[in-house]
Structures are given as structure tokens and as C-alpha cells.
Amino acid sequence: MLTKLISTALAAGILLSGTPSRSAYDANQDGFTSNKDLRDVLVGITTGSMAGLKSIYENGGEISIRDFNMLFSYLEENPMTGELFMKDIETTDTLPSKYSPGWVSGSPSFPTIKEYGTLTEVTYYSSVCEKDRKARVYLPASYDESKSYPVLYILHGYWGHNNSMAEDAGCQNIIGKMIADDEAEEMIVVFPDIFASKKGQQDSCTGLNLENSLIYDNCVEEITTDLMPYIEKNYSALTGRDHTAVCGFSMGGREALAIGLMHPDKFGYIAAFCPAPGLTPGDPNMHPGQLSEDELVFPEEYSPYLLEIFAGDDDQVVWDSPKTYSNIFTRNGVTHKYQMVSSWHGGPAVEVGTYNFAKYIFKAS
């Protein structure tokens, strides 16, 4: 929202200059200038409804080019951070019924599947795996090659495949309905197969053990080296961390955290739903750890705009792994959101996580 308003104003020929004070943009006067404050100020300027914010005017209450210049200068000198953005996020612990993962046939608002977009399977060559690989790609109903779209990667769990999170879990349905209802940004959604076995290895998971877990871990390199370039070459995709998000369930949640931590320059938005153990050291025979606990940090310049962990309160598969990761982030001073959902391993936790994450991604940058 903020980016769109700035773009609209810049299109009118407004330049950046001036040095405003921080308090001038603290719309709710709580002593903390947040993303919501800046958005409210800018909305007020563009609509002329500046009641209570006249302190930023320079011409007796008249809105001037100088007012715009001051605000844009402030935004340029005080870029959005995850700490600011996440401060304003309001999550829900239930999925609104209108965004249920099933199709609502015959509904006046969502009459047909075409209203939500399309889902297709693609084949690309993986240099990491040394063979062809498949993924599914969701395109919004209004997809137009003359436009460019941010990209969300959604990763499945143990024993899953590239349709597990798309149609089986209903993530594409939730997001498609949200887009149609202007509750989420238009986006491309990619569903990889994260069992990234190399040529000569088994093509599918054969057991819950270290050998198979290490094959899943290959997806971090495979996605960034092969799948992302394929998507960016074949679709009207925006590039860069400001326009790229990743989330996942269970093993996919663990890998989503890993890929975000290992490639912070590529992903600005990260979420994990019931993430599996193994991101940090545990049982050496099963979870030697992809990273040490001290490595669960982000370079200051690549701190994520949004980092979320969702956990089920009755998860008897990954147990307290989600909370463990949250505690490590807290100990390491990493701003993030942690939310417990009334759920088992999957189901509501995935739906609530998908809704809350999709609602805010690509809106901070």
C-alpha cells in the first residue's frame, strides 16, 4: 500500500528533498514512527484529510509540494525495517471462512475456479540434481505478461510433492481468494518438489532418517541455483528480496527458514508453519543441524521485513521445535512473530499461517 502511494505521488513529479523531524510523522503520537504512521500520513496528504497531522504543513494547513518532499526525504533517509513493519502486523488465530481452502462454487464473489487463477506443472533442468525436475506454478487470474509480479515459494513437508501445498493443502485457493478480494498482493506462487535428490539417487523419500533429510536439505541450493532463475526467465517475475518470499510446512518450514537464513539477500519475507527439527543441532543421528544456533541471525542490511513462525498447540510430530526456533531468534536479537494456533501438525496451522503471511508479504517494500 505504502509503495503504491509513493509511486503515485512520484508519478506526479514530486522530488525528494528536505529534512523533516521524526515526531512529525508519528501519526498516533506513541513515540514510535511505524510503517502504519507513515502510511497514514501519506494517505492523509494524498487525500487532503490531514486532521490531527497539521504539524507537517508549512503553509498554514495548505498541502504543498514541500510537504511531499519532506515526507519522501524522510522515507529515503529512514528506510523500512522488519522491526518497524512487524510492529504493525495484526494476525488472526483463525482463517476467515471466506478464504477456506476449498473452492466455493456458485458464490457470487467467487463463481468459478478461473476467478482465482491457474495452476500448471512445469519442467526445468536442475544443475544441482543433474536431471529434469518438476514444480507447479500458480498465476493470478489477472496475470498479464506486460506487468511484473512478486514471487512466493511454498515448500511442502516430509513425504510431500509439488502439489501437496498447492491443491492438497489448499494454499493456492486461500491466496487466490485473497487476491480476488484485494486482501493480498497479486503474485506468482511456486510450489517446488523439495526432495532434491541427485542423479542416481532415489526419486522419492524412502524413510524418516538422516539420509533422506540430507536430500531434502539439497533444496536450499537447488531452488536458488536452478528454480529461481527458471521462474525469472519464463515468467513476468519481479526479482530481488523486496519481491521474493518463502514459506513452508514441517520439513518445508525448516527449509524455508534455512533458505532465508542462508540467502538473506534473496528473500525479504520468510515464514514457517510447524517447522521440523534439524535447522539447529539435535539428535546427531537424525538432526545434526544445518546451522549452529549462533548462525540464526541476519546481516543488518538483509534483515527480513517479515519473519513468522506458526505452531500447532497439539503438534505431536515436531513437538516444541517451532518454539525452540523462536527462542533462539529471540536470544539472538532477531525480530520475528511467533504464533500458536489451535491445531495438530498441519491443517489449521497451515491455513492460518498461509493467510496471515500472504496478507502482508510484499507490502513493506
Protein backbone atom coordinates (compact mmCIF):
# COMPACT_ATOMS: atom_id res chain seq x y z
CA MET A 1 0.00 0.00 0.00
CA LEU A 2 2.73 2.47 1.01
CA THR A 3 4.79 1.71 -2.08
CA LYS A 4 1.78 2.24 -4.35
CA LEU A 5 1.03 5.61 -2.78
CA ILE A 6 4.63 6.72 -3.12
CA SER A 7 4.71 5.60 -6.75
CA THR A 8 1.53 7.54 -7.47
CA ALA A 9 2.93 10.68 -5.91
CA LEU A 10 6.29 10.34 -7.66
CA ALA A 11 4.48 9.96 -10.96
CA ALA A 12 3.14 13.46 -10.37
CA GLY A 13 6.72 14.76 -10.49
CA ILE A 14 7.48 15.17 -6.79
CA LEU A 15 11.18 15.34 -5.86
CA LEU A 16 12.98 14.24 -2.72
CA SER A 17 14.42 16.98 -0.55
CA GLY A 18 14.24 18.44 2.93
CA THR A 19 14.89 17.09 6.42
CA PRO A 20 11.70 16.59 8.46
CA SER A 21 11.63 15.65 12.12
CA ARG A 22 10.73 12.13 13.20
CA SER A 23 7.93 13.27 15.51
CA ALA A 24 6.16 14.99 12.63
CA TYR A 25 5.33 11.55 11.20
CA ASP A 26 4.33 9.80 14.42
CA ALA A 27 0.65 9.82 13.43
CA ASN A 28 -0.67 8.20 16.60
CA GLN A 29 1.84 10.04 18.82
CA ASP A 30 3.04 6.90 20.62
CA GLY A 31 6.68 7.96 20.39
CA PHE A 32 7.46 5.40 17.67
CA THR A 33 7.27 6.20 13.97
CA SER A 34 6.00 2.99 12.39
CA ASN A 35 5.01 1.84 8.91
CA LYS A 36 1.37 2.47 9.77
CA ASP A 37 2.18 6.04 10.87
CA LEU A 38 3.93 6.77 7.57
CA ARG A 39 1.11 5.20 5.60
CA ASP A 40 -1.48 7.22 7.47
CA VAL A 41 0.43 10.46 6.91
CA LEU A 42 0.87 9.78 3.20
CA VAL A 43 -2.77 8.78 2.79
CA GLY A 44 -3.72 11.98 4.53
CA ILE A 45 -1.60 14.09 2.22
CA THR A 46 -2.85 12.43 -0.95
CA THR A 47 -6.49 12.69 0.10
CA GLY A 48 -6.31 16.07 1.79
CA SER A 49 -7.70 14.69 5.05
CA MET A 50 -4.94 15.85 7.37
CA ALA A 51 -6.89 16.38 10.59
CA GLY A 52 -4.56 15.97 13.54
CA LEU A 53 -1.43 15.98 11.33
CA LYS A 54 -1.12 19.67 10.53
CA SER A 55 2.25 19.85 12.23
CA ILE A 56 3.91 18.80 8.98
CA TYR A 57 2.34 21.60 6.95
CA GLU A 58 4.42 24.62 6.07
CA ASN A 59 1.75 26.81 4.56
CA GLY A 60 -0.97 27.33 7.14
CA GLY A 61 -2.66 23.98 6.58
CA GLU A 62 -2.35 24.03 2.80
CA ILE A 63 -0.87 20.87 1.28
CA SER A 64 2.19 21.80 -0.73
CA ILE A 65 4.88 20.16 -2.85
CA ARG A 66 7.22 20.85 0.07
CA ASP A 67 5.06 18.63 2.28
CA PHE A 68 5.50 15.78 -0.16
CA ASN A 69 9.22 16.46 -0.46
CA MET A 70 9.69 16.36 3.28
CA LEU A 71 7.89 13.05 3.67
CA PHE A 72 9.69 11.35 0.79
CA SER A 73 13.02 12.62 2.09
CA TYR A 74 12.16 11.13 5.47
CA LEU A 75 11.30 7.78 3.90
CA GLU A 76 14.52 7.78 1.90
CA GLU A 77 16.63 8.55 4.95
CA ASN A 78 14.70 6.15 7.21
CA PRO A 79 14.08 3.01 5.14
CA MET A 80 11.53 0.46 6.24
CA THR A 81 12.87 -2.25 8.55
CA GLY A 82 11.44 -5.52 9.80
CA GLU A 83 11.22 -4.08 13.30
CA LEU A 84 9.02 -1.24 12.08
CA PHE A 85 6.93 -3.35 9.73
CA MET A 86 6.30 -6.24 12.11
CA LYS A 87 5.29 -3.84 14.88
CA ASP A 88 2.12 -3.03 12.94
CA ILE A 89 1.15 -6.53 11.87
CA GLU A 90 -2.07 -7.86 13.35
CA THR A 91 -2.50 -11.61 12.92
CA THR A 92 -5.54 -13.77 13.45
CA ASP A 93 -5.61 -17.23 15.01
CA THR A 94 -8.37 -18.49 12.72
CA LEU A 95 -8.85 -18.49 8.96
CA PRO A 96 -11.77 -16.30 7.83
CA SER A 97 -14.39 -18.65 6.37
CA LYS A 98 -14.50 -16.72 3.08
CA TYR A 99 -10.91 -17.84 2.43
CA SER A 100 -11.43 -21.52 3.16
CA PRO A 101 -9.09 -23.75 1.13
CA GLY A 102 -11.98 -25.40 -0.74
CA TRP A 103 -13.49 -23.87 -3.87
CA VAL A 104 -16.75 -22.01 -3.34
CA SER A 105 -18.64 -22.92 -6.47
CA GLY A 106 -21.67 -20.80 -7.27
CA SER A 107 -20.66 -17.98 -4.93
CA PRO A 108 -21.42 -14.51 -6.36
CA SER A 109 -17.98 -13.32 -5.24
CA PHE A 110 -16.04 -16.37 -6.40
CA PRO A 111 -18.15 -18.11 -9.06
CA THR A 112 -15.54 -20.27 -10.79
CA ILE A 113 -12.02 -21.57 -10.41
CA LYS A 114 -10.93 -19.17 -13.18
CA GLU A 115 -11.66 -16.28 -10.86
CA TYR A 116 -8.72 -17.36 -8.70
CA GLY A 117 -6.05 -18.07 -11.30
CA THR A 118 -4.38 -21.08 -12.86
CA LEU A 119 -2.06 -23.83 -11.65
CA THR A 120 0.26 -25.61 -14.08
CA GLU A 121 3.15 -28.04 -13.82
CA VAL A 122 6.49 -27.05 -15.34
CA THR A 123 9.70 -28.94 -16.05
CA TYR A 124 13.13 -27.38 -15.70
CA TYR A 125 16.69 -28.69 -15.70
CA SER A 126 18.48 -28.74 -12.35
CA SER A 127 22.25 -28.45 -12.47
CA VAL A 128 22.37 -29.24 -8.76
CA CYS A 129 20.43 -32.50 -9.17
CA GLU A 130 21.79 -33.14 -12.70
CA LYS A 131 18.36 -34.01 -14.07
CA ASP A 132 15.00 -32.57 -15.05
CA ARG A 133 12.79 -31.51 -12.16
CA LYS A 134 9.13 -30.52 -11.84
CA ALA A 135 7.36 -27.73 -9.99
CA ARG A 136 3.89 -26.21 -10.02
CA VAL A 137 3.28 -22.55 -10.74
CA TYR A 138 0.21 -20.55 -9.77
CA LEU A 139 -0.60 -17.42 -11.78
CA PRO A 140 -3.21 -14.90 -10.60
CA ALA A 141 -6.37 -14.62 -12.67
CA SER A 142 -5.31 -11.22 -13.98
CA TYR A 143 -1.81 -12.35 -14.96
CA ASP A 144 -0.50 -10.15 -17.78
CA GLU A 145 2.96 -10.53 -19.29
CA SER A 146 3.17 -6.77 -19.68
CA LYS A 147 3.15 -6.47 -15.87
CA SER A 148 5.60 -7.84 -13.31
CA TYR A 149 4.71 -9.78 -10.16
CA PRO A 150 6.40 -10.66 -6.87
CA VAL A 151 7.04 -14.36 -6.26
CA LEU A 152 6.22 -16.59 -3.30
CA TYR A 153 7.81 -20.05 -2.95
CA ILE A 154 5.84 -22.54 -0.80
CA LEU A 155 7.65 -25.68 0.36
CA HIS A 156 5.96 -28.99 1.28
CA GLY A 157 6.73 -31.32 4.17
CA TYR A 158 8.23 -34.80 4.55
CA TRP A 159 6.73 -37.33 2.13
CA GLY A 160 5.17 -34.50 0.12
CA HIS A 161 5.39 -33.44 -3.53
CA ASN A 162 4.89 -30.34 -5.67
CA ASN A 163 1.11 -30.48 -5.34
CA SER A 164 0.97 -31.09 -1.59
CA MET A 165 0.78 -27.43 -0.63
CA ALA A 166 -0.97 -26.28 -3.81
CA GLU A 167 -4.20 -28.24 -4.15
CA ASP A 168 -3.91 -30.81 -1.34
CA ALA A 169 -3.39 -28.24 1.44
CA GLY A 170 -5.29 -25.59 -0.50
CA CYS A 171 -2.70 -22.80 -0.24
CA GLN A 172 -3.33 -21.68 -3.82
CA ASN A 173 -7.05 -21.49 -3.09
CA ILE A 174 -6.57 -19.35 0.00
CA ILE A 175 -4.19 -17.00 -1.77
CA GLY A 176 -6.30 -16.91 -4.93
CA LYS A 177 -9.36 -15.86 -2.98
CA MET A 178 -7.38 -13.26 -1.06
CA ILE A 179 -6.07 -11.75 -4.29
CA ALA A 180 -9.57 -11.68 -5.78
CA ASP A 181 -10.75 -9.88 -2.64
CA ASP A 182 -7.81 -7.40 -2.65
CA GLU A 183 -6.64 -8.87 0.64
CA ALA A 184 -3.26 -9.89 -0.82
CA GLU A 185 -0.96 -8.56 -3.50
CA GLU A 186 -1.14 -10.14 -6.94
CA MET A 187 1.67 -12.66 -7.01
CA ILE A 188 3.16 -15.70 -8.69
CA VAL A 189 3.28 -18.70 -6.37
CA VAL A 190 5.75 -21.54 -6.97
CA PHE A 191 5.41 -24.99 -5.42
CA PRO A 192 8.71 -26.91 -5.75
CA ASP A 193 9.45 -30.55 -5.09
CA ILE A 194 11.92 -30.13 -2.23
CA PHE A 195 13.12 -33.74 -2.26
CA ALA A 196 16.15 -32.67 -4.29
CA SER A 197 17.83 -36.00 -4.96
CA LYS A 198 20.79 -36.05 -7.31
CA LYS A 199 21.06 -38.18 -10.43
CA GLY A 200 21.50 -41.80 -9.36
CA GLN A 201 19.72 -41.34 -6.01
CA GLN A 202 16.14 -42.40 -5.30
CA ASP A 203 13.48 -40.10 -6.79
CA SER A 204 11.27 -40.07 -3.69
CA CYS A 205 11.61 -40.20 0.07
CA THR A 206 12.11 -43.72 1.44
CA GLY A 207 12.13 -43.10 5.16
CA LEU A 208 12.30 -40.72 8.08
CA ASN A 209 16.06 -40.76 8.58
CA LEU A 210 19.24 -38.74 8.17
CA GLU A 211 19.91 -39.99 4.63
CA ASN A 212 16.58 -38.67 3.36
CA SER A 213 16.76 -35.49 5.43
CA LEU A 214 20.07 -34.56 3.81
CA ILE A 215 18.46 -34.95 0.39
CA TYR A 216 15.73 -32.53 1.44
CA ASP A 217 18.45 -30.11 2.53
CA ASN A 218 19.73 -30.03 -1.07
CA CYS A 219 16.67 -27.95 -1.96
CA VAL A 220 18.24 -24.82 -0.48
CA GLU A 221 20.90 -24.77 -3.18
CA GLU A 222 18.64 -26.27 -5.86
CA ILE A 223 15.92 -23.65 -5.52
CA THR A 224 18.30 -20.68 -5.53
CA THR A 225 20.59 -22.02 -8.26
CA ASP A 226 18.11 -23.54 -10.69
CA LEU A 227 14.42 -22.98 -9.95
CA MET A 228 14.51 -19.25 -9.22
CA PRO A 229 16.41 -18.41 -12.45
CA TYR A 230 13.93 -20.56 -14.39
CA ILE A 231 10.94 -18.70 -12.93
CA GLU A 232 12.55 -15.31 -13.52
CA LYS A 233 13.33 -16.23 -17.14
CA ASN A 234 9.96 -17.73 -18.06
CA TYR A 235 7.50 -15.53 -16.16
CA SER A 236 6.94 -11.82 -15.61
CA ALA A 237 8.57 -12.02 -12.22
CA LEU A 238 9.99 -9.21 -10.16
CA THR A 239 13.42 -10.01 -8.75
CA GLY A 240 15.27 -9.17 -5.56
CA ARG A 241 14.50 -9.71 -1.89
CA ASP A 242 11.89 -6.93 -1.84
CA HIS A 243 9.77 -9.01 -4.21
CA THR A 244 10.57 -12.57 -3.10
CA ALA A 245 9.07 -14.59 -0.25
CA VAL A 246 9.36 -18.16 1.01
CA CYS A 247 7.31 -20.23 3.44
CA GLY A 248 6.81 -23.89 4.14
CA PHE A 249 5.23 -26.60 6.26
CA SER A 250 7.03 -29.07 8.55
CA MET A 251 10.22 -30.09 6.70
CA GLY A 252 9.38 -27.33 4.24
CA GLY A 253 9.13 -24.91 7.16
CA ARG A 254 12.60 -25.90 8.30
CA GLU A 255 13.92 -25.46 4.76
CA ALA A 256 12.14 -22.10 4.40
CA LEU A 257 13.96 -20.83 7.48
CA ALA A 258 17.23 -22.32 6.22
CA ILE A 259 16.99 -20.80 2.74
CA GLY A 260 16.06 -17.42 4.21
CA LEU A 261 19.00 -17.50 6.63
CA MET A 262 21.50 -18.80 4.06
CA HIS A 263 20.34 -16.45 1.30
CA PRO A 264 19.12 -13.32 3.10
CA ASP A 265 19.94 -11.24 0.02
CA LYS A 266 17.29 -13.15 -1.97
CA PHE A 267 14.30 -13.36 0.42
CA GLY A 268 12.75 -10.42 2.24
CA TYR A 269 9.78 -12.36 3.65
CA ILE A 270 10.05 -15.72 5.44
CA ALA A 271 7.57 -17.94 7.32
CA ALA A 272 7.47 -21.46 8.74
CA PHE A 273 4.37 -23.48 9.63
CA CYS A 274 5.08 -26.20 12.23
CA PRO A 275 8.78 -26.29 11.22
CA ALA A 276 10.56 -29.62 11.71
CA PRO A 277 13.62 -30.09 13.90
CA GLY A 278 17.07 -30.10 12.31
CA LEU A 279 17.65 -26.46 11.42
CA THR A 280 19.89 -26.40 14.50
CA PRO A 281 21.70 -29.40 16.05
CA GLY A 282 19.63 -32.08 17.76
CA ASP A 283 19.92 -35.87 17.59
CA PRO A 284 23.20 -36.34 15.63
CA ASN A 285 21.81 -39.49 14.01
CA MET A 286 18.78 -37.60 12.69
CA HIS A 287 19.24 -33.85 13.12
CA PRO A 288 22.93 -32.82 13.06
CA GLY A 289 21.81 -29.28 12.26
CA GLN A 290 22.02 -27.19 9.09
CA LEU A 291 23.21 -24.19 11.11
CA SER A 292 24.52 -23.57 14.61
CA GLU A 293 22.26 -21.66 16.98
CA ASP A 294 24.58 -18.64 16.73
CA GLU A 295 24.05 -18.63 12.96
CA LEU A 296 20.32 -17.95 13.28
CA VAL A 297 20.92 -14.27 12.57
CA PHE A 298 20.64 -11.93 9.59
CA PRO A 299 23.08 -9.27 8.38
CA GLU A 300 21.67 -5.88 9.35
CA GLU A 301 21.29 -4.82 5.73
CA TYR A 302 19.37 -8.01 4.94
CA SER A 303 17.12 -8.24 7.97
CA PRO A 304 13.78 -9.68 6.75
CA TYR A 305 10.78 -7.40 6.52
CA LEU A 306 8.66 -10.24 7.85
CA LEU A 307 9.74 -13.38 9.72
CA GLU A 308 6.95 -15.56 11.14
CA ILE A 309 6.69 -18.93 12.86
CA PHE A 310 3.32 -20.64 13.35
CA ALA A 311 2.91 -23.64 15.65
CA GLY A 312 0.10 -26.05 16.47
CA ASP A 313 -0.80 -26.35 20.15
CA ASP A 314 -1.34 -30.11 19.73
CA ASP A 315 1.51 -30.91 17.34
CA GLN A 316 2.71 -34.40 18.21
CA VAL A 317 5.06 -34.62 15.23
CA VAL A 318 7.53 -31.74 15.62
CA TRP A 319 6.53 -31.05 19.24
CA ASP A 320 8.29 -27.90 20.52
CA SER A 321 10.64 -27.30 17.57
CA PRO A 322 8.79 -24.14 16.42
CA LYS A 323 9.07 -22.59 19.90
CA THR A 324 12.71 -23.64 20.12
CA TYR A 325 13.49 -21.74 16.92
CA SER A 326 11.55 -18.72 18.18
CA ASN A 327 13.52 -18.76 21.43
CA ILE A 328 16.81 -18.89 19.53
CA PHE A 329 15.78 -15.94 17.37
CA THR A 330 14.79 -14.01 20.49
CA ARG A 331 18.08 -14.82 22.17
CA ASN A 332 19.95 -13.71 19.05
CA GLY A 333 18.02 -10.44 18.90
CA VAL A 334 16.19 -11.31 15.66
CA THR A 335 12.81 -9.56 15.32
CA HIS A 336 10.09 -12.06 14.41
CA LYS A 337 6.49 -13.06 15.08
CA TYR A 338 5.60 -16.32 16.82
CA GLN A 339 2.02 -17.55 16.95
CA MET A 340 0.42 -20.61 18.48
CA VAL A 341 -2.64 -21.93 16.64
CA SER A 342 -5.26 -24.38 17.88
CA SER A 343 -4.12 -27.18 15.58
CA TRP A 344 -2.43 -30.52 15.13
CA HIS A 345 0.55 -30.93 12.81
CA GLY A 346 -0.82 -29.19 9.73
CA GLY A 347 -4.44 -28.33 8.97
CA PRO A 348 -5.43 -25.08 10.71
CA ALA A 349 -1.80 -24.12 11.41
CA VAL A 350 -1.02 -24.19 7.69
CA GLU A 351 -4.23 -22.35 6.75
CA VAL A 352 -3.83 -19.65 9.40
CA GLY A 353 -0.14 -19.28 8.58
CA THR A 354 -0.81 -19.01 4.85
CA TYR A 355 -3.49 -16.38 5.36
CA ASN A 356 -1.51 -14.21 7.77
CA PHE A 357 1.69 -14.43 5.74
CA ALA A 358 0.05 -13.78 2.36
CA LYS A 359 -1.80 -10.80 3.80
CA TYR A 360 1.38 -8.86 4.50
CA ILE A 361 4.09 -10.04 2.10
CA PHE A 362 5.39 -7.52 -0.44
CA LYS A 363 3.78 -4.63 1.45
CA ALA A 364 6.79 -3.38 3.37
CA SER A 365 9.00 -2.62 0.39
